[in-house]
Amino acid sequence: GDVVPPEARLIPDLRRCTRDELPTGFADGYRGTVPLIDMPRYLDHLVDRFRAAGGELLLSPVPMLADAVAESSIVVNCTGVGAHLFGDPTVLPVRGQALVVRNPGIDEYFVELTASDEFAAIMPHGDRVVLGGVAVEHDWNATPLRGVGAGIRRRCAEIDPRLAEAEELGELVGLRPGRDSVRVEAEQYEGARVVHNYGHGGSGVALSWGCAYEAAELAVGAGERTAG
């Protein structure tokens, strides 16, 4: 059936796949042109922009919110799944694992939409391809599981057989910050203004710029949503 999310309708050239365009076992599908983010390169780009604008990046542990507000009157809390340890018990880890292989010539992105916690995703980034994936709730394990990686390769190779023997370059594990809704709001805490911006689940890139603009307005006092 037609289960395309409403936001997909914003893709100008979105169209339903013909029967011969669908991989074996798939009942429905769509094709369209969308941006595909290579996260390491994108994050490096954002850091470069931040520094070029005069920002200074310091890395240090912050065990408690009180430690952060002791250093600054404005704190933006973008701790992701760490917000669970930062005082918000409604945040839960959604474990993801991906397999990175040498690109055998793939130049199209593929993702399976399913209710299962296992799915197929093929994301080409130049000379490498990131294959996914899994989405396991309440799992804090940050170590790659061999059986999971083998399952990812099998599912993706069923869609593109070239991936069956592609050279493995590594495995990745990440914890998505699951929450019923994204939290973007400000609160007063021990004399400081704390702006929360976390809980984006697996939609961090898609929601990042809109949430960042709103968080920035809250940080300078232009926004109105304040808790506490």
C-alpha atoms as a PDB file:
ATOM      1  CA  GLY A   1       0.000   0.000   0.000  1.00  0.00           C
ATOM      2  CA  ASP A   2       0.885   3.668  -0.139  1.00  0.00           C
ATOM      3  CA  VAL A   3       2.766   4.358   3.114  1.00  0.00           C
ATOM      4  CA  VAL A   4       4.986   7.208   1.973  1.00  0.00           C
ATOM      5  CA  PRO A   5       5.391   9.768   4.800  1.00  0.00           C
ATOM      6  CA  PRO A   6       3.876  13.204   4.070  1.00  0.00           C
ATOM      7  CA  GLU A   7       7.262  14.944   3.984  1.00  0.00           C
ATOM      8  CA  ALA A   8       8.306  12.738   1.054  1.00  0.00           C
ATOM      9  CA  ARG A   9       5.720  14.568  -1.050  1.00  0.00           C
ATOM     10  CA  LEU A  10       8.090  17.548  -0.965  1.00  0.00           C
ATOM     11  CA  ILE A  11      10.469  15.678  -3.314  1.00  0.00           C
ATOM     12  CA  PRO A  12       9.785  17.243  -6.736  1.00  0.00           C
ATOM     13  CA  ASP A  13      10.516  14.174  -8.877  1.00  0.00           C
ATOM     14  CA  LEU A  14       9.046  11.535  -6.556  1.00  0.00           C
ATOM     15  CA  ARG A  15       7.348   8.745  -8.477  1.00  0.00           C
ATOM     16  CA  ARG A  16       6.153   5.237  -7.820  1.00  0.00           C
ATOM     17  CA  CYS A  17       8.445   2.450  -8.986  1.00  0.00           C
ATOM     18  CA  THR A  18       7.421   0.239 -11.837  1.00  0.00           C
ATOM     19  CA  ARG A  19       7.231  -3.474 -11.109  1.00  0.00           C
ATOM     20  CA  ASP A  20      10.562  -4.219 -12.830  1.00  0.00           C
ATOM     21  CA  GLU A  21      12.329  -1.549 -10.760  1.00  0.00           C
ATOM     22  CA  LEU A  22      11.514  -3.250  -7.452  1.00  0.00           C
ATOM     23  CA  PRO A  23      13.958  -5.735  -5.891  1.00  0.00           C
ATOM     24  CA  THR A  24      12.689  -9.265  -5.355  1.00  0.00           C
ATOM     25  CA  GLY A  25      10.350  -9.446  -2.354  1.00  0.00           C
ATOM     26  CA  PHE A  26       9.377  -5.757  -2.365  1.00  0.00           C
ATOM     27  CA  ALA A  27       5.728  -4.944  -3.007  1.00  0.00           C
ATOM     28  CA  ASP A  28       6.029  -1.192  -3.429  1.00  0.00           C
ATOM     29  CA  GLY A  29       8.619   1.540  -3.726  1.00  0.00           C
ATOM     30  CA  TYR A  30       9.366   5.075  -4.854  1.00  0.00           C
ATOM     31  CA  ARG A  31      12.168   6.827  -6.696  1.00  0.00           C
ATOM     32  CA  GLY A  32      13.272  10.430  -6.305  1.00  0.00           C
ATOM     33  CA  THR A  33      16.271  12.711  -5.986  1.00  0.00           C
ATOM     34  CA  VAL A  34      17.262  13.517  -2.403  1.00  0.00           C
ATOM     35  CA  PRO A  35      20.443  14.757  -0.699  1.00  0.00           C
ATOM     36  CA  LEU A  36      22.637  12.086   0.895  1.00  0.00           C
ATOM     37  CA  ILE A  37      24.915  13.303   3.679  1.00  0.00           C
ATOM     38  CA  ASP A  38      28.412  11.877   4.196  1.00  0.00           C
ATOM     39  CA  MET A  39      28.445  12.509   7.955  1.00  0.00           C
ATOM     40  CA  PRO A  40      32.217  12.694   8.696  1.00  0.00           C
ATOM     41  CA  ARG A  41      32.737  15.220   5.872  1.00  0.00           C
ATOM     42  CA  TYR A  42      29.592  17.150   6.821  1.00  0.00           C
ATOM     43  CA  LEU A  43      30.545  17.429  10.494  1.00  0.00           C
ATOM     44  CA  ASP A  44      34.054  18.586   9.551  1.00  0.00           C
ATOM     45  CA  HIS A  45      32.437  21.216   7.309  1.00  0.00           C
ATOM     46  CA  LEU A  46      30.231  22.464  10.154  1.00  0.00           C
ATOM     47  CA  VAL A  47      33.202  22.671  12.535  1.00  0.00           C
ATOM     48  CA  ASP A  48      35.149  24.664   9.921  1.00  0.00           C
ATOM     49  CA  ARG A  49      32.218  27.082   9.562  1.00  0.00           C
ATOM     50  CA  PHE A  50      31.966  27.447  13.331  1.00  0.00           C
ATOM     51  CA  ARG A  51      35.655  28.255  13.679  1.00  0.00           C
ATOM     52  CA  ALA A  52      35.606  30.621  10.689  1.00  0.00           C
ATOM     53  CA  ALA A  53      32.832  32.566  12.423  1.00  0.00           C
ATOM     54  CA  GLY A  54      35.042  33.020  15.484  1.00  0.00           C
ATOM     55  CA  GLY A  55      33.955  30.005  17.496  1.00  0.00           C
ATOM     56  CA  GLU A  56      36.332  28.131  19.781  1.00  0.00           C
ATOM     57  CA  LEU A  57      35.933  24.399  20.284  1.00  0.00           C
ATOM     58  CA  LEU A  58      36.962  22.981  23.669  1.00  0.00           C
ATOM     59  CA  LEU A  59      36.433  19.342  24.593  1.00  0.00           C
ATOM     60  CA  SER A  60      36.018  18.496  28.270  1.00  0.00           C
ATOM     61  CA  PRO A  61      33.748  16.279  30.392  1.00  0.00           C
ATOM     62  CA  VAL A  62      30.647  17.846  31.954  1.00  0.00           C
ATOM     63  CA  PRO A  63      29.425  15.436  34.656  1.00  0.00           C
ATOM     64  CA  MET A  64      26.493  17.609  35.722  1.00  0.00           C
ATOM     65  CA  LEU A  65      24.438  20.469  34.321  1.00  0.00           C
ATOM     66  CA  ALA A  66      25.583  22.562  37.294  1.00  0.00           C
ATOM     67  CA  ASP A  67      29.167  22.304  36.029  1.00  0.00           C
ATOM     68  CA  ALA A  68      28.153  23.784  32.675  1.00  0.00           C
ATOM     69  CA  VAL A  69      26.165  26.693  34.091  1.00  0.00           C
ATOM     70  CA  ALA A  70      29.046  27.494  36.430  1.00  0.00           C
ATOM     71  CA  GLU A  71      31.067  28.371  33.327  1.00  0.00           C
ATOM     72  CA  SER A  72      28.458  30.189  31.249  1.00  0.00           C
ATOM     73  CA  SER A  73      25.192  32.080  31.677  1.00  0.00           C
ATOM     74  CA  ILE A  74      23.882  30.453  28.455  1.00  0.00           C
ATOM     75  CA  VAL A  75      24.156  26.703  27.939  1.00  0.00           C
ATOM     76  CA  VAL A  76      22.800  24.787  24.936  1.00  0.00           C
ATOM     77  CA  ASN A  77      22.172  21.146  25.787  1.00  0.00           C
ATOM     78  CA  CYS A  78      22.705  19.010  22.676  1.00  0.00           C
ATOM     79  CA  THR A  79      23.744  15.850  24.506  1.00  0.00           C
ATOM     80  CA  GLY A  80      21.646  13.507  22.366  1.00  0.00           C
ATOM     81  CA  VAL A  81      21.167  10.144  24.053  1.00  0.00           C
ATOM     82  CA  GLY A  82      23.369  11.500  26.850  1.00  0.00           C
ATOM     83  CA  ALA A  83      20.383  13.552  27.994  1.00  0.00           C
ATOM     84  CA  HIS A  84      19.190  10.333  29.650  1.00  0.00           C
ATOM     85  CA  LEU A  85      22.178  10.577  31.967  1.00  0.00           C
ATOM     86  CA  PHE A  86      21.749  14.332  32.139  1.00  0.00           C
ATOM     87  CA  GLY A  87      18.414  14.134  33.927  1.00  0.00           C
ATOM     88  CA  ASP A  88      15.802  13.207  31.290  1.00  0.00           C
ATOM     89  CA  PRO A  89      14.606   9.613  31.793  1.00  0.00           C
ATOM     90  CA  THR A  90      12.312   9.814  28.722  1.00  0.00           C
ATOM     91  CA  VAL A  91      15.303   9.564  26.363  1.00  0.00           C
ATOM     92  CA  LEU A  92      16.133   6.022  25.293  1.00  0.00           C
ATOM     93  CA  PRO A  93      18.952   4.620  23.157  1.00  0.00           C
ATOM     94  CA  VAL A  94      18.009   3.179  19.775  1.00  0.00           C
ATOM     95  CA  ARG A  95      21.023   1.150  18.726  1.00  0.00           C
ATOM     96  CA  GLY A  96      22.165   1.324  15.134  1.00  0.00           C
ATOM     97  CA  GLN A  97      24.852  -0.709  13.421  1.00  0.00           C
ATOM     98  CA  ALA A  98      26.220  -0.271   9.909  1.00  0.00           C
ATOM     99  CA  LEU A  99      28.714  -2.109   7.728  1.00  0.00           C
ATOM    100  CA  VAL A 100      31.154  -0.134   5.557  1.00  0.00           C
ATOM    101  CA  VAL A 101      32.427  -1.779   2.363  1.00  0.00           C
ATOM    102  CA  ARG A 102      34.407  -0.727  -0.683  1.00  0.00           C
ATOM    103  CA  ASN A 103      32.071   0.611  -3.363  1.00  0.00           C
ATOM    104  CA  PRO A 104      31.676  -1.904  -6.224  1.00  0.00           C
ATOM    105  CA  GLY A 105      30.134   0.765  -8.475  1.00  0.00           C
ATOM    106  CA  ILE A 106      26.883   1.748  -6.717  1.00  0.00           C
ATOM    107  CA  ASP A 107      25.675   5.302  -7.255  1.00  0.00           C
ATOM    108  CA  GLU A 108      22.077   5.155  -5.975  1.00  0.00           C
ATOM    109  CA  TYR A 109      20.752   5.313  -2.421  1.00  0.00           C
ATOM    110  CA  PHE A 110      18.299   2.645  -1.234  1.00  0.00           C
ATOM    111  CA  VAL A 111      16.378   2.374   2.030  1.00  0.00           C
ATOM    112  CA  GLU A 112      13.738  -0.108   3.115  1.00  0.00           C
ATOM    113  CA  LEU A 113      10.801   1.275   5.089  1.00  0.00           C
ATOM    114  CA  THR A 114       9.596  -1.383   7.499  1.00  0.00           C
ATOM    115  CA  ALA A 115       8.195  -1.821  10.996  1.00  0.00           C
ATOM    116  CA  SER A 116      10.912  -4.385  11.735  1.00  0.00           C
ATOM    117  CA  ASP A 117      14.015  -3.475  13.741  1.00  0.00           C
ATOM    118  CA  GLU A 118      16.090  -4.895  10.857  1.00  0.00           C
ATOM    119  CA  PHE A 119      16.096  -3.279   7.424  1.00  0.00           C
ATOM    120  CA  ALA A 120      18.198  -2.796   4.310  1.00  0.00           C
ATOM    121  CA  ALA A 121      19.916   0.486   3.496  1.00  0.00           C
ATOM    122  CA  ILE A 122      22.572   1.163   0.859  1.00  0.00           C
ATOM    123  CA  MET A 123      24.285   4.570   1.067  1.00  0.00           C
ATOM    124  CA  PRO A 124      27.134   5.215  -1.414  1.00  0.00           C
ATOM    125  CA  HIS A 125      29.770   7.779  -0.429  1.00  0.00           C
ATOM    126  CA  GLY A 126      32.334   7.858  -3.203  1.00  0.00           C
ATOM    127  CA  ASP A 127      34.679   4.879  -2.905  1.00  0.00           C
ATOM    128  CA  ARG A 128      32.824   3.375   0.036  1.00  0.00           C
ATOM    129  CA  VAL A 129      29.259   2.263   0.772  1.00  0.00           C
ATOM    130  CA  VAL A 130      27.582   2.355   4.182  1.00  0.00           C
ATOM    131  CA  LEU A 131      25.165  -0.558   4.597  1.00  0.00           C
ATOM    132  CA  GLY A 132      22.435  -0.757   7.203  1.00  0.00           C
ATOM    133  CA  GLY A 133      20.880  -1.451   9.385  1.00  0.00           C
ATOM    134  CA  VAL A 134      19.178  -2.103  12.685  1.00  0.00           C
ATOM    135  CA  ALA A 135      17.173  -0.040  15.167  1.00  0.00           C
ATOM    136  CA  VAL A 136      17.109  -1.767  18.566  1.00  0.00           C
ATOM    137  CA  GLU A 137      15.500   0.157  21.430  1.00  0.00           C
ATOM    138  CA  HIS A 138      16.912   0.233  24.988  1.00  0.00           C
ATOM    139  CA  ASP A 139      20.270  -1.192  23.866  1.00  0.00           C
ATOM    140  CA  TRP A 140      23.378   0.668  25.128  1.00  0.00           C
ATOM    141  CA  ASN A 141      25.860  -1.766  23.552  1.00  0.00           C
ATOM    142  CA  ALA A 142      28.376   0.256  21.477  1.00  0.00           C
ATOM    143  CA  THR A 143      30.331  -2.788  20.272  1.00  0.00           C
ATOM    144  CA  PRO A 144      29.648  -4.169  16.755  1.00  0.00           C
ATOM    145  CA  LEU A 145      27.919  -7.541  16.814  1.00  0.00           C
ATOM    146  CA  ARG A 146      29.246  -9.908  14.162  1.00  0.00           C
ATOM    147  CA  GLY A 147      25.941 -11.615  13.524  1.00  0.00           C
ATOM    148  CA  VAL A 148      24.274  -8.261  12.940  1.00  0.00           C
ATOM    149  CA  GLY A 149      26.876  -7.254  10.370  1.00  0.00           C
ATOM    150  CA  ALA A 150      26.437 -10.547   8.507  1.00  0.00           C
ATOM    151  CA  GLY A 151      22.673 -10.004   8.417  1.00  0.00           C
ATOM    152  CA  ILE A 152      23.126  -6.477   7.042  1.00  0.00           C
ATOM    153  CA  ARG A 153      25.347  -7.732   4.224  1.00  0.00           C
ATOM    154  CA  ARG A 154      22.940 -10.538   3.380  1.00  0.00           C
ATOM    155  CA  ARG A 155      19.915  -8.219   3.161  1.00  0.00           C
ATOM    156  CA  CYS A 156      21.768  -5.656   1.065  1.00  0.00           C
ATOM    157  CA  ALA A 157      23.298  -8.289  -1.242  1.00  0.00           C
ATOM    158  CA  GLU A 158      19.805  -9.578  -1.988  1.00  0.00           C
ATOM    159  CA  ILE A 159      19.083  -6.118  -3.397  1.00  0.00           C
ATOM    160  CA  ASP A 160      22.461  -5.617  -5.134  1.00  0.00           C
ATOM    161  CA  PRO A 161      24.491  -8.857  -5.542  1.00  0.00           C
ATOM    162  CA  ARG A 162      27.725  -6.853  -6.022  1.00  0.00           C
ATOM    163  CA  LEU A 163      27.716  -6.241  -2.280  1.00  0.00           C
ATOM    164  CA  ALA A 164      28.051  -9.929  -1.393  1.00  0.00           C
ATOM    165  CA  GLU A 165      31.825  -9.961  -1.941  1.00  0.00           C
ATOM    166  CA  ALA A 166      32.611  -6.246  -1.469  1.00  0.00           C
ATOM    167  CA  GLU A 167      35.672  -5.695   0.731  1.00  0.00           C
ATOM    168  CA  GLU A 168      34.752  -4.865   4.318  1.00  0.00           C
ATOM    169  CA  LEU A 169      36.272  -1.600   5.542  1.00  0.00           C
ATOM    170  CA  GLY A 170      34.762  -1.469   9.015  1.00  0.00           C
ATOM    171  CA  GLU A 171      31.668  -1.551  11.203  1.00  0.00           C
ATOM    172  CA  LEU A 172      29.965   1.369  12.914  1.00  0.00           C
ATOM    173  CA  VAL A 173      27.725   1.513  15.967  1.00  0.00           C
ATOM    174  CA  GLY A 174      25.730   4.527  17.098  1.00  0.00           C
ATOM    175  CA  LEU A 175      23.012   5.233  19.652  1.00  0.00           C
ATOM    176  CA  ARG A 176      20.139   7.312  18.319  1.00  0.00           C
ATOM    177  CA  PRO A 177      18.484   9.565  20.943  1.00  0.00           C
ATOM    178  CA  GLY A 178      14.950   8.157  20.980  1.00  0.00           C
ATOM    179  CA  ARG A 179      12.167  10.233  22.530  1.00  0.00           C
ATOM    180  CA  ASP A 180       8.402  10.636  22.056  1.00  0.00           C
ATOM    181  CA  SER A 181       9.072  14.147  20.736  1.00  0.00           C
ATOM    182  CA  VAL A 182      12.074  16.369  20.126  1.00  0.00           C
ATOM    183  CA  ARG A 183      12.788  18.687  23.053  1.00  0.00           C
ATOM    184  CA  VAL A 184      13.549  22.265  21.993  1.00  0.00           C
ATOM    185  CA  GLU A 185      12.866  24.655  24.866  1.00  0.00           C
ATOM    186  CA  ALA A 186      14.617  26.925  27.357  1.00  0.00           C
ATOM    187  CA  GLU A 187      14.620  26.890  31.145  1.00  0.00           C
ATOM    188  CA  GLN A 188      16.215  28.890  33.918  1.00  0.00           C
ATOM    189  CA  TYR A 189      18.631  26.836  35.990  1.00  0.00           C
ATOM    190  CA  GLU A 190      20.677  28.279  38.860  1.00  0.00           C
ATOM    191  CA  GLY A 191      20.732  31.720  37.276  1.00  0.00           C
ATOM    192  CA  ALA A 192      21.642  30.504  33.790  1.00  0.00           C
ATOM    193  CA  ARG A 193      19.555  30.093  30.649  1.00  0.00           C
ATOM    194  CA  VAL A 194      19.650  26.470  29.465  1.00  0.00           C
ATOM    195  CA  VAL A 195      18.386  25.704  25.971  1.00  0.00           C
ATOM    196  CA  HIS A 196      17.583  22.045  25.293  1.00  0.00           C
ATOM    197  CA  ASN A 197      17.849  20.647  21.774  1.00  0.00           C
ATOM    198  CA  TYR A 198      17.819  16.838  21.686  1.00  0.00           C
ATOM    199  CA  GLY A 199      15.677  13.753  21.146  1.00  0.00           C
ATOM    200  CA  HIS A 200      15.775  13.694  17.329  1.00  0.00           C
ATOM    201  CA  GLY A 201      15.970   9.911  17.025  1.00  0.00           C
ATOM    202  CA  GLY A 202      17.082   8.894  13.545  1.00  0.00           C
ATOM    203  CA  SER A 203      16.038  12.216  11.975  1.00  0.00           C
ATOM    204  CA  GLY A 204      18.858  14.402  13.266  1.00  0.00           C
ATOM    205  CA  VAL A 205      20.075  15.678   9.897  1.00  0.00           C
ATOM    206  CA  ALA A 206      16.574  16.284   8.542  1.00  0.00           C
ATOM    207  CA  LEU A 207      15.537  18.304  11.601  1.00  0.00           C
ATOM    208  CA  SER A 208      18.891  19.874  12.476  1.00  0.00           C
ATOM    209  CA  TRP A 209      18.672  23.259  10.769  1.00  0.00           C
ATOM    210  CA  GLY A 210      15.108  24.046  11.826  1.00  0.00           C
ATOM    211  CA  CYS A 211      15.831  23.046  15.424  1.00  0.00           C
ATOM    212  CA  ALA A 212      19.138  24.960  15.378  1.00  0.00           C
ATOM    213  CA  TYR A 213      17.444  28.187  14.292  1.00  0.00           C
ATOM    214  CA  GLU A 214      14.838  27.810  17.042  1.00  0.00           C
ATOM    215  CA  ALA A 215      17.477  26.937  19.666  1.00  0.00           C
ATOM    216  CA  ALA A 216      19.536  29.971  18.649  1.00  0.00           C
ATOM    217  CA  GLU A 217      16.508  32.242  19.102  1.00  0.00           C
ATOM    218  CA  LEU A 218      15.881  30.741  22.519  1.00  0.00           C
ATOM    219  CA  ALA A 219      19.520  31.188  23.490  1.00  0.00           C
ATOM    220  CA  VAL A 220      19.396  34.940  22.872  1.00  0.00           C
ATOM    221  CA  GLY A 221      15.947  35.266  24.438  1.00  0.00           C
ATOM    222  CA  ALA A 222      14.033  35.779  21.190  1.00  0.00           C
ATOM    223  CA  GLY A 223      11.998  32.581  21.548  1.00  0.00           C
ATOM    224  CA  GLU A 224       8.988  32.177  23.809  1.00  0.00           C
ATOM    225  CA  ARG A 225       8.975  28.526  24.835  1.00  0.00           C
ATOM    226  CA  THR A 226      10.402  28.380  28.328  1.00  0.00           C
ATOM    227  CA  ALA A 227      10.094  25.606  30.876  1.00  0.00           C
ATOM    228  CA  GLY A 228      10.742  25.692  34.579  1.00  0.00           C
END
